[in-house]
Protein backbone atom coordinates (compact mmCIF):
# COMPACT_ATOMS: atom_id res chain seq x y z
CA MET A 1 -25.77 -15.80 15.41
CA ILE A 2 -25.23 -12.03 15.28
CA SER A 3 -21.58 -12.54 16.18
CA TYR A 4 -21.18 -15.01 13.31
CA ILE A 5 -22.71 -12.58 10.80
CA HIS A 6 -20.54 -9.77 12.15
CA LYS A 7 -17.37 -11.85 11.69
CA LEU A 8 -18.47 -12.88 8.21
CA LEU A 9 -19.05 -9.26 7.19
CA LEU A 10 -15.67 -8.18 8.59
CA ARG A 11 -13.91 -10.91 6.60
CA PHE A 12 -15.72 -9.83 3.46
CA ILE A 13 -14.82 -6.16 3.96
CA ASN A 14 -11.18 -7.02 4.69
CA LYS A 15 -10.99 -9.19 1.58
CA LEU A 16 -12.36 -6.38 -0.57
CA SER A 17 -9.78 -3.98 0.86
CA ARG A 18 -6.91 -6.42 0.27
CA ASP A 19 -8.07 -7.06 -3.29
CA ARG A 20 -8.27 -3.33 -4.00
CA TYR A 21 -4.72 -2.76 -2.76
CA GLU A 22 -3.41 -5.79 -4.65
CA ARG A 23 -4.86 -4.45 -7.90
CA LEU A 24 -3.12 -1.14 -7.24
CA ILE A 25 0.21 -2.74 -6.36
CA ASN A 26 0.14 -5.08 -9.36
CA SER A 27 -0.59 -2.30 -11.84
CA SER A 28 2.24 -1.31 -14.18
CA ASP A 29 1.70 2.38 -13.37
CA PHE A 30 2.30 1.76 -9.67
CA LYS A 31 5.33 -0.43 -10.28
CA SER A 32 6.88 2.18 -12.56
CA LEU A 33 7.05 4.65 -9.65
CA TYR A 34 9.89 2.81 -7.93
CA LYS A 35 12.56 5.21 -9.24
CA ASN A 36 10.64 8.23 -8.00
CA TYR A 37 10.70 6.87 -4.47
CA GLY A 38 14.38 5.89 -4.48
CA PHE A 39 14.07 2.12 -4.88
CA LYS A 40 16.46 0.08 -7.00
CA SER A 41 13.81 -2.24 -8.40
CA GLU A 42 10.09 -2.71 -8.78
CA GLU A 43 10.22 -5.71 -6.45
CA GLU A 44 11.66 -3.63 -3.59
CA TRP A 45 8.99 -0.97 -4.12
CA VAL A 46 6.15 -3.50 -4.18
CA GLU A 47 7.49 -5.26 -1.07
CA ALA A 48 7.73 -1.96 0.83
CA ALA A 49 4.22 -0.98 -0.27
CA ARG A 50 2.78 -4.31 0.90
CA LYS A 51 4.48 -3.92 4.26
CA ILE A 52 3.11 -0.39 4.66
CA ILE A 53 -0.40 -1.49 3.70
CA LYS A 54 -0.27 -4.31 6.22
CA GLU A 55 0.81 -1.94 9.01
CA ASN A 56 -1.27 1.12 8.13
CA PRO A 57 -3.03 1.59 4.76
CA ASP A 58 -3.51 5.32 5.35
CA ARG A 59 0.26 5.72 5.44
CA LEU A 60 0.49 4.57 1.81
CA VAL A 61 -1.92 7.36 0.89
CA GLN A 62 0.39 9.87 2.62
CA ILE A 63 3.37 8.47 0.76
CA MET A 64 1.64 8.60 -2.60
CA ASN A 65 0.62 12.22 -1.96
CA TYR A 66 4.18 13.24 -1.12
CA ASP A 67 5.94 15.25 -3.82
CA THR A 68 9.21 13.36 -4.20
CA ARG A 69 10.90 16.32 -5.85
CA ASN A 70 10.84 18.37 -2.63
CA GLY A 71 12.97 16.92 0.12
CA ASN A 72 13.75 13.82 2.09
CA PHE A 73 11.37 11.03 1.25
CA GLY A 74 13.17 8.42 3.33
CA LYS A 75 11.39 9.51 6.52
CA TYR A 76 8.32 7.56 5.42
CA PHE A 77 10.19 4.26 5.43
CA LYS A 78 11.60 4.43 8.96
């Protein structure tokens, strides 16, 4: 019974996290950043962001904190 409740809570927490990131990714402000990060289209930017979130959500935070005016941003996408 405890195991069932634990799994249920984990699913709920994961769903909340996914929903939060989806709201961010679908926002027009986020999509408009694609040029700053060297992408040709909003779709490419959103696809890369989803991939990064799936692998490591904290990495997206690092990317968003990076000042794109100062240096090679491409290292974050390797």
